[in-house]
Amino acid sequence: MEECSKELFARACKVIPGGVNSPVRACHNVQSSPLFIRRGQGSHLFDVDGNEYIDFVLSWGPMILGHNDPEVTAAIAQAANFGTSYGAPCQAEVDLACEVVETMPSLEMVRMVNSGTEATMSALRLARACTKRNKVLKFVGCYHGHADPFLAAAGSGLATFSIPGTPGVPACVVEDTLLAPYNDLEAVAALFTQYPEDIACVIVEPVACNMGLVLPKEGFLAGLRKLTRSYGALLIFDEVITGFRCALGGAQSRFGIDPDLTTMGKIIGGGLPVGAFGGKREYLEHIAPAGEVYQAGTLSGNPLAMAAGLATLRKLKTQDYATLERRTQDFARELESILKSKKVPVQVPTISSMFSIFFTDTPVKDFATAKTADQGLFTTFYKQMRAQGIYLAPSSFETGMLSFAHSSEDYTRTLEAAAKVHF
């Protein structure tokens, strides 16, 4: 007998911490229970209870082509006919590496890994080795995976659950992690003045996506590039979310910035577990076996993930990003107008196919201002939208996602649902 979401969650809680394998999925922050999904198709999800949802989470970003895209699914099935893992090189990983290097402007070489977290921790190790320095500068509220050095003032799930510190992480591990507010170039300059020869790298989400969607101020990214070059530090763009979504060539192509290293995930694997880090040849050639910096992974370059990523990136070259961005902007503008008509403070920023809903009048420019958003209003909105078949991220600190599969009917139905919400 098939189980409902409630029964599955009760059983999961007995064998999985919190009943879920990634914290935000528990939906605690929006006073709800998690949905257990049976399948996805296009822009829609179907749960085990028989409900259908318009999906604005898209597996937290990877499904830019929509769920179960026929070309991607066919590529995975074809690859599976030849085996699921070799622990040895295969052609697909070479083909995908070539595709990524060709698409991302700053990349000359790339190493495949298994997750965004693995990509960022590997890039940090490489930056430290190349500069012979230890400190890393990150931004409050930016999330770079759950590797120990990055769990100081991170956004995303840590913000959702209001975890103030990093239990289980020794103080000595984060003592070399420096913090600055996002969009505050003066704070970054002050830290470089204080530690002129100690900072190995600055790592940044070029568009912050884990404190809600926060766009970079004009000149902020260019200022980071100038400062890092002046002080001999590397600039790392964390494009795990923005890569191939902010533009085909990532945020770096959109904003015209040339980072030293780039981390990727999500879209690069077409929905399968994958990550990658890449950048200038002079740095990547320090990675073993070409160089002395060790990094390895049994499933790195997995043939199924490589096939999915390759099919996704090749199809994305034929997609109309400009039209999707216009549709996103129009949708967000109408949504904001509907919510403002209900006399609640709200702003709905967008870039490319991403959007956020902040229930606040305070202009959101960093994590501190993002936290002024009214969580109670967001919870009310989330619960009523979900009840109407609209699936939003269960946290105001996450970013909404749109895909090439979303239809005009999806937008219309969503806006009609928003009009019915009562605060």
Protein backbone atom coordinates (compact mmCIF):
# COMPACT_ATOMS: atom_id res chain seq x y z
CA MET A 1 0.00 0.00 0.00
CA GLU A 2 1.29 3.44 -0.92
CA GLU A 3 1.87 5.87 1.94
CA CYS A 4 0.79 9.50 2.16
CA SER A 5 3.19 12.36 2.96
CA LYS A 6 2.17 12.35 6.62
CA GLU A 7 2.83 8.63 7.00
CA LEU A 8 6.13 8.81 5.13
CA PHE A 9 7.31 11.73 7.25
CA ALA A 10 6.43 9.90 10.48
CA ARG A 11 8.40 6.87 9.32
CA ALA A 12 11.27 9.00 8.03
CA CYS A 13 11.64 10.74 11.41
CA LYS A 14 12.52 7.36 12.95
CA VAL A 15 15.45 6.70 10.64
CA ILE A 16 16.51 10.09 9.18
CA PRO A 17 17.46 13.07 11.40
CA GLY A 18 14.48 15.41 11.30
CA GLY A 19 12.88 13.18 8.71
CA VAL A 20 14.65 14.89 5.80
CA ASN A 21 18.05 14.79 4.13
CA SER A 22 18.46 18.57 3.89
CA PRO A 23 17.09 20.82 6.65
CA VAL A 24 14.96 23.39 4.78
CA ARG A 25 12.86 20.59 3.28
CA ALA A 26 11.31 19.97 6.70
CA CYS A 27 9.22 23.17 6.24
CA HIS A 28 9.44 23.96 9.96
CA ASN A 29 10.00 27.64 9.30
CA VAL A 30 6.66 27.95 7.53
CA GLN A 31 4.76 25.87 10.10
CA SER A 32 4.10 23.11 7.59
CA SER A 33 4.97 19.47 6.98
CA PRO A 34 7.13 18.40 4.04
CA LEU A 35 5.63 17.16 0.82
CA PHE A 36 6.84 13.81 -0.47
CA ILE A 37 7.11 14.01 -4.25
CA ARG A 38 6.14 11.19 -6.58
CA ARG A 39 7.25 12.75 -9.85
CA GLY A 40 8.00 15.96 -11.73
CA GLN A 41 7.01 16.90 -15.26
CA GLY A 42 7.84 20.19 -16.92
CA SER A 43 7.03 23.01 -14.51
CA HIS A 44 4.89 20.82 -12.26
CA LEU A 45 5.40 18.49 -9.30
CA PHE A 46 3.06 15.71 -8.17
CA ASP A 47 3.11 14.51 -4.56
CA VAL A 48 2.25 11.09 -3.16
CA ASP A 49 -1.08 12.48 -1.92
CA GLY A 50 -2.30 13.10 -5.46
CA ASN A 51 -1.75 16.87 -5.48
CA GLU A 52 -0.27 18.81 -8.38
CA TYR A 53 1.84 21.94 -7.91
CA ILE A 54 3.33 24.63 -10.10
CA ASP A 55 6.96 24.41 -9.05
CA PHE A 56 8.96 27.55 -8.29
CA VAL A 57 11.73 25.67 -6.45
CA LEU A 58 12.94 23.49 -9.33
CA SER A 59 15.06 21.27 -7.06
CA TRP A 60 16.61 24.52 -5.72
CA GLY A 61 17.75 25.56 -9.16
CA PRO A 62 18.98 22.74 -11.41
CA MET A 63 15.80 22.16 -13.42
CA ILE A 64 16.03 25.19 -15.70
CA LEU A 65 14.65 23.07 -18.55
CA GLY A 66 11.87 21.77 -16.34
CA HIS A 67 11.43 18.32 -14.82
CA ASN A 68 11.93 15.20 -16.90
CA ASP A 69 13.11 17.05 -19.99
CA PRO A 70 12.95 14.40 -22.74
CA GLU A 71 16.42 15.09 -24.15
CA VAL A 72 18.09 15.01 -20.75
CA THR A 73 16.18 11.91 -19.64
CA ALA A 74 17.08 10.15 -22.89
CA ALA A 75 20.75 10.99 -22.40
CA ILE A 76 20.70 9.56 -18.87
CA ALA A 77 18.93 6.39 -20.02
CA GLN A 78 21.38 5.88 -22.86
CA ALA A 79 24.34 6.33 -20.55
CA ALA A 80 22.83 3.92 -17.99
CA ASN A 81 22.75 1.21 -20.65
CA PHE A 82 26.54 1.10 -20.43
CA GLY A 83 26.85 1.15 -16.62
CA THR A 84 26.40 3.61 -13.80
CA SER A 85 29.96 4.18 -12.55
CA TYR A 86 33.43 3.25 -13.73
CA GLY A 87 35.88 4.90 -11.35
CA ALA A 88 37.86 5.62 -14.51
CA PRO A 89 37.80 8.32 -17.19
CA CYS A 90 35.06 8.38 -19.83
CA GLN A 91 34.40 10.49 -22.92
CA ALA A 92 31.39 12.27 -21.43
CA GLU A 93 33.48 13.98 -18.76
CA VAL A 94 35.87 15.32 -21.40
CA ASP A 95 32.97 16.51 -23.54
CA LEU A 96 31.28 18.24 -20.59
CA ALA A 97 34.55 19.85 -19.49
CA CYS A 98 35.04 21.24 -23.00
CA GLU A 99 31.45 22.53 -23.03
CA VAL A 100 31.87 24.26 -19.66
CA VAL A 101 35.20 25.86 -20.57
CA GLU A 102 33.72 27.08 -23.84
CA THR A 103 30.65 28.55 -22.10
CA MET A 104 32.10 30.16 -18.97
CA PRO A 105 34.29 33.15 -20.00
CA SER A 106 36.94 32.93 -17.28
CA LEU A 107 37.53 29.18 -17.39
CA GLU A 108 40.56 27.56 -19.00
CA MET A 109 40.38 24.28 -17.08
CA VAL A 110 37.79 22.56 -14.91
CA ARG A 111 37.72 19.66 -12.42
CA MET A 112 34.50 17.70 -11.92
CA VAL A 113 33.36 16.88 -8.38
CA ASN A 114 30.13 15.68 -6.78
CA SER A 115 28.47 18.70 -5.17
CA GLY A 116 28.61 22.46 -4.80
CA THR A 117 30.03 22.04 -1.30
CA GLU A 118 32.85 19.88 -2.64
CA ALA A 119 33.53 22.46 -5.33
CA THR A 120 33.85 25.40 -2.93
CA MET A 121 35.99 23.55 -0.38
CA SER A 122 38.32 22.42 -3.18
CA ALA A 123 38.56 25.93 -4.63
CA LEU A 124 39.44 27.30 -1.20
CA ARG A 125 42.18 24.71 -0.74
CA LEU A 126 43.57 25.56 -4.17
CA ALA A 127 43.50 29.31 -3.48
CA ARG A 128 45.34 28.85 -0.20
CA ALA A 129 47.97 26.67 -1.85
CA CYS A 130 48.54 29.04 -4.76
CA THR A 131 48.85 32.16 -2.60
CA LYS A 132 50.51 30.48 0.40
CA ARG A 133 48.03 32.35 2.62
CA ASN A 134 45.34 31.12 4.97
CA LYS A 135 42.55 33.65 5.37
CA VAL A 136 39.36 33.61 3.31
CA LEU A 137 37.01 36.57 3.10
CA LYS A 138 33.32 35.76 2.67
CA PHE A 139 30.14 37.77 2.97
CA VAL A 140 27.58 37.60 5.76
CA GLY A 141 24.55 35.66 4.53
CA CYS A 142 26.26 34.16 1.51
CA TYR A 143 26.17 30.37 1.52
CA HIS A 144 28.96 28.31 0.02
CA GLY A 145 27.95 24.85 1.12
CA HIS A 146 28.43 23.19 4.47
CA ALA A 147 32.22 22.80 4.56
CA ASP A 148 33.51 23.94 7.95
CA PRO A 149 35.34 27.16 6.94
CA PHE A 150 32.21 28.55 5.26
CA LEU A 151 29.79 28.06 8.13
CA ALA A 152 30.54 31.41 9.71
CA ALA A 153 27.53 33.72 9.23
CA ALA A 154 26.14 31.68 6.35
CA GLY A 155 22.72 32.21 4.84
CA SER A 156 20.26 29.69 3.41
CA GLY A 157 19.37 26.88 5.82
CA LEU A 158 21.43 28.29 8.67
CA ALA A 159 19.51 31.55 8.41
CA THR A 160 16.21 29.73 8.11
CA PHE A 161 16.78 27.88 11.34
CA SER A 162 18.45 30.82 13.09
CA ILE A 163 21.50 28.76 14.04
CA PRO A 164 23.79 31.40 15.58
CA GLY A 165 27.09 29.55 15.33
CA THR A 166 28.59 26.41 13.90
CA PRO A 167 28.22 23.53 16.40
CA GLY A 168 30.72 20.79 15.72
CA VAL A 169 33.16 23.15 14.03
CA PRO A 170 36.21 24.01 16.17
CA ALA A 171 36.93 27.71 16.58
CA CYS A 172 40.35 27.22 15.02
CA VAL A 173 38.71 26.14 11.75
CA VAL A 174 36.85 29.42 11.24
CA GLU A 175 39.38 31.76 12.82
CA ASP A 176 40.80 32.42 9.35
CA THR A 177 37.36 33.21 7.92
CA LEU A 178 36.87 36.98 7.63
CA LEU A 179 33.38 38.45 7.26
CA ALA A 180 32.04 41.52 5.48
CA PRO A 181 28.51 42.65 4.65
CA TYR A 182 27.47 41.88 1.08
CA ASN A 183 27.65 44.97 -1.17
CA ASP A 184 29.97 46.77 1.29
CA LEU A 185 33.16 47.44 -0.63
CA GLU A 186 34.53 49.71 2.11
CA ALA A 187 34.37 46.86 4.63
CA VAL A 188 36.29 44.64 2.23
CA ALA A 189 38.93 47.31 1.70
CA ALA A 190 39.29 47.73 5.47
CA LEU A 191 39.93 44.00 5.91
CA PHE A 192 42.58 44.05 3.21
CA THR A 193 44.20 47.02 4.94
CA GLN A 194 44.19 45.05 8.18
CA TYR A 195 45.44 41.79 6.62
CA PRO A 196 47.31 42.90 3.47
CA GLU A 197 49.39 39.73 3.09
CA ASP A 198 47.14 37.15 4.76
CA ILE A 199 44.01 36.90 2.60
CA ALA A 200 44.20 34.02 0.15
CA CYS A 201 40.89 34.70 -1.55
CA VAL A 202 37.56 36.46 -1.56
CA ILE A 203 34.64 34.13 -2.28
CA VAL A 204 31.31 35.62 -3.26
CA GLU A 205 27.98 34.73 -4.77
CA PRO A 206 28.06 37.32 -7.58
CA VAL A 207 24.31 37.52 -7.12
CA ALA A 208 23.39 36.57 -3.56
CA CYS A 209 20.80 33.80 -3.64
CA ASN A 210 20.83 32.44 -0.09
CA MET A 211 19.54 35.47 1.81
CA GLY A 212 16.74 35.72 -0.68
CA LEU A 213 17.73 37.29 -3.98
CA VAL A 214 20.03 40.28 -3.43
CA LEU A 215 21.58 41.93 -6.45
CA PRO A 216 25.10 43.36 -6.42
CA LYS A 217 25.34 47.14 -6.33
CA GLU A 218 26.85 48.78 -9.35
CA GLY A 219 30.63 48.62 -9.01
CA PHE A 220 30.64 46.07 -6.18
CA LEU A 221 31.90 43.08 -8.19
CA ALA A 222 34.33 45.21 -10.18
CA GLY A 223 35.61 46.62 -6.89
CA LEU A 224 36.24 43.13 -5.56
CA ARG A 225 38.18 42.31 -8.70
CA LYS A 226 40.33 45.41 -8.31
CA LEU A 227 41.02 44.86 -4.61
CA THR A 228 41.95 41.20 -4.95
CA ARG A 229 44.38 41.96 -7.76
CA SER A 230 45.90 44.83 -5.80
CA TYR A 231 46.60 42.62 -2.78
CA GLY A 232 47.53 39.41 -4.58
CA ALA A 233 44.44 37.48 -3.48
CA LEU A 234 42.29 35.31 -5.72
CA LEU A 235 38.67 36.11 -6.54
CA ILE A 236 36.33 33.12 -6.43
CA PHE A 237 32.86 33.38 -7.95
CA ASP A 238 30.47 30.88 -6.42
CA GLU A 239 28.23 30.24 -9.41
CA VAL A 240 26.64 27.07 -8.07
CA ILE A 241 23.25 28.79 -8.47
CA THR A 242 23.96 31.58 -10.97
CA GLY A 243 26.00 29.45 -13.37
CA PHE A 244 24.05 28.89 -16.62
CA ARG A 245 21.02 30.58 -15.00
CA CYS A 246 21.96 34.23 -14.52
CA ALA A 247 23.06 33.96 -18.15
CA LEU A 248 24.33 31.06 -20.24
CA GLY A 249 27.86 32.10 -19.28
CA GLY A 250 26.92 32.76 -15.67
CA ALA A 251 26.97 35.99 -13.69
CA GLN A 252 30.56 36.58 -14.77
CA SER A 253 29.45 36.99 -18.37
CA ARG A 254 26.48 39.15 -17.42
CA PHE A 255 28.54 41.56 -15.30
CA GLY A 256 31.76 41.34 -17.31
CA ILE A 257 33.97 40.20 -14.41
CA ASP A 258 36.93 37.85 -14.81
CA PRO A 259 37.31 35.80 -11.59
CA ASP A 260 40.35 33.62 -10.96
CA LEU A 261 38.31 30.59 -9.89
CA THR A 262 34.67 29.61 -10.32
CA THR A 263 32.60 27.00 -8.53
CA MET A 264 29.59 25.36 -10.16
CA GLY A 265 26.85 22.84 -9.43
CA LYS A 266 23.12 22.33 -9.93
CA ILE A 267 22.46 23.06 -13.64
CA ILE A 268 25.85 21.64 -14.65
CA GLY A 269 24.52 18.18 -13.78
CA GLY A 270 21.04 18.49 -15.25
CA GLY A 271 19.47 17.44 -11.95
CA LEU A 272 21.95 14.74 -10.98
CA PRO A 273 24.44 15.15 -8.10
CA VAL A 274 27.41 17.06 -9.47
CA GLY A 275 29.71 20.00 -8.93
CA ALA A 276 32.79 21.50 -10.54
CA PHE A 277 35.48 24.09 -9.95
CA GLY A 278 37.56 25.74 -12.61
CA GLY A 279 39.47 28.80 -13.60
CA LYS A 280 42.79 29.94 -14.92
CA ARG A 281 45.23 27.29 -16.09
CA GLU A 282 48.01 28.70 -13.92
CA TYR A 283 45.97 27.78 -10.83
CA LEU A 284 44.24 24.59 -11.96
CA GLU A 285 47.51 22.96 -12.92
CA HIS A 286 48.36 22.87 -9.21
CA ILE A 287 45.65 20.21 -8.74
CA ALA A 288 46.88 16.61 -8.50
CA PRO A 289 48.01 14.72 -10.47
CA ALA A 290 49.25 17.71 -12.50
CA GLY A 291 50.38 19.46 -9.32
CA GLU A 292 50.74 19.14 -5.59
CA VAL A 293 47.24 20.09 -4.31
CA TYR A 294 45.32 16.92 -3.54
CA GLN A 295 41.65 16.52 -4.47
CA ALA A 296 39.88 13.31 -5.38
CA GLY A 297 36.46 11.68 -5.61
CA THR A 298 35.30 8.14 -6.42
CA LEU A 299 32.23 9.31 -8.31
CA SER A 300 33.72 12.45 -9.85
CA GLY A 301 32.97 12.47 -13.56
CA ASN A 302 30.16 9.96 -13.08
CA PRO A 303 28.93 8.96 -16.56
CA LEU A 304 25.23 9.50 -15.75
CA ALA A 305 25.81 12.98 -14.31
CA MET A 306 28.10 13.90 -17.19
CA ALA A 307 25.49 12.79 -19.74
CA ALA A 308 22.76 14.79 -18.00
CA GLY A 309 24.92 17.89 -17.74
CA LEU A 310 26.08 17.66 -21.34
CA ALA A 311 22.53 17.30 -22.66
CA THR A 312 21.39 20.22 -20.50
CA LEU A 313 24.14 22.63 -21.50
CA ARG A 314 23.82 21.80 -25.18
CA LYS A 315 20.07 22.41 -25.08
CA LEU A 316 20.52 25.65 -23.14
CA LYS A 317 22.51 27.03 -26.07
CA THR A 318 19.27 26.98 -28.07
CA GLN A 319 17.09 28.64 -25.42
CA ASP A 320 15.89 32.24 -25.34
CA TYR A 321 17.21 33.64 -22.06
CA ALA A 322 16.07 37.18 -22.86
CA THR A 323 12.44 36.15 -23.25
CA LEU A 324 12.52 34.12 -20.03
CA GLU A 325 13.93 37.12 -18.19
CA ARG A 326 11.19 39.40 -19.53
CA ARG A 327 8.53 36.91 -18.47
CA THR A 328 10.11 36.70 -15.02
CA GLN A 329 10.13 40.48 -14.69
CA ASP A 330 6.51 40.78 -15.82
CA PHE A 331 5.44 38.02 -13.44
CA ALA A 332 7.27 39.58 -10.50
CA ARG A 333 5.91 43.04 -11.24
CA GLU A 334 2.32 41.75 -11.29
CA LEU A 335 2.87 39.67 -8.16
CA GLU A 336 4.28 42.66 -6.30
CA SER A 337 1.34 44.80 -7.41
CA ILE A 338 -1.18 42.21 -6.20
CA LEU A 339 0.51 41.93 -2.80
CA LYS A 340 0.85 45.68 -2.38
CA SER A 341 -2.88 46.01 -3.03
CA LYS A 342 -3.35 43.99 0.16
CA LYS A 343 -1.56 46.73 2.12
CA VAL A 344 1.46 44.63 3.08
CA PRO A 345 5.05 45.86 2.73
CA VAL A 346 6.64 43.89 -0.09
CA GLN A 347 9.26 43.93 -2.81
CA VAL A 348 9.91 41.28 -5.47
CA PRO A 349 13.38 41.71 -7.01
CA THR A 350 14.41 39.69 -10.07
CA ILE A 351 17.35 38.87 -12.26
CA SER A 352 17.24 36.49 -15.19
CA SER A 353 14.91 33.61 -14.16
CA MET A 354 15.14 34.22 -10.40
CA PHE A 355 12.97 36.20 -8.00
CA SER A 356 12.44 36.75 -4.29
CA ILE A 357 9.56 37.91 -2.10
CA PHE A 358 10.62 40.19 0.76
CA PHE A 359 7.79 41.36 3.02
CA THR A 360 9.51 44.60 4.03
CA ASP A 361 9.67 48.25 2.97
CA THR A 362 13.39 48.40 3.77
CA PRO A 363 15.48 48.28 0.57
CA VAL A 364 17.25 44.91 0.67
CA LYS A 365 20.96 45.22 -0.05
CA ASP A 366 22.54 42.69 2.34
CA PHE A 367 21.73 40.07 4.97
CA ALA A 368 20.91 42.59 7.69
CA THR A 369 18.26 44.26 5.54
CA ALA A 370 16.98 40.91 4.26
CA LYS A 371 16.27 39.96 7.87
CA THR A 372 13.88 42.91 8.22
CA ALA A 373 11.36 40.94 6.14
CA ASP A 374 8.31 39.80 8.09
CA GLN A 375 8.52 36.03 8.48
CA GLY A 376 4.92 35.86 9.68
CA LEU A 377 3.64 37.40 6.46
CA PHE A 378 5.81 35.04 4.42
CA THR A 379 4.48 32.01 6.31
CA THR A 380 0.89 33.12 5.75
CA PHE A 381 1.58 33.60 2.05
CA TYR A 382 3.43 30.29 1.69
CA LYS A 383 0.73 28.20 3.34
CA GLN A 384 -2.14 29.69 1.37
CA MET A 385 -0.26 29.44 -1.93
CA ARG A 386 0.67 25.83 -1.28
CA ALA A 387 -2.95 25.03 -0.49
CA GLN A 388 -3.79 26.37 -3.97
CA GLY A 389 -1.19 24.22 -5.73
CA ILE A 390 1.69 26.72 -5.86
CA TYR A 391 4.97 25.29 -4.59
CA LEU A 392 7.34 27.96 -3.25
CA ALA A 393 10.58 27.52 -1.33
CA PRO A 394 9.66 27.07 2.36
CA SER A 395 11.97 29.87 3.47
CA SER A 396 12.10 33.60 2.84
CA PHE A 397 15.89 33.25 2.58
CA GLU A 398 15.69 31.14 -0.56
CA THR A 399 15.34 32.31 -4.14
CA GLY A 400 12.41 31.50 -6.41
CA MET A 401 13.24 29.83 -9.71
CA LEU A 402 11.57 29.84 -13.11
CA SER A 403 12.26 27.55 -16.03
CA PHE A 404 11.87 27.45 -19.77
CA ALA A 405 9.04 24.99 -19.12
CA HIS A 406 6.82 27.45 -17.24
CA SER A 407 3.83 28.44 -19.33
CA SER A 408 1.65 31.53 -19.52
CA GLU A 409 -1.04 29.49 -17.78
CA ASP A 410 1.38 28.77 -14.91
CA TYR A 411 1.97 32.48 -14.39
CA THR A 412 -1.72 33.31 -14.62
CA ARG A 413 -2.75 30.60 -12.17
CA THR A 414 -0.06 31.71 -9.72
CA LEU A 415 -1.12 35.34 -9.85
CA GLU A 416 -4.77 34.35 -9.41
CA ALA A 417 -3.77 32.30 -6.35
CA ALA A 418 -1.85 35.27 -4.92
CA ALA A 419 -4.93 37.46 -5.34
CA LYS A 420 -6.88 35.07 -3.10
CA VAL A 421 -4.39 35.20 -0.21
CA HIS A 422 -5.63 36.87 2.98
CA PHE A 423 -3.19 38.41 5.45
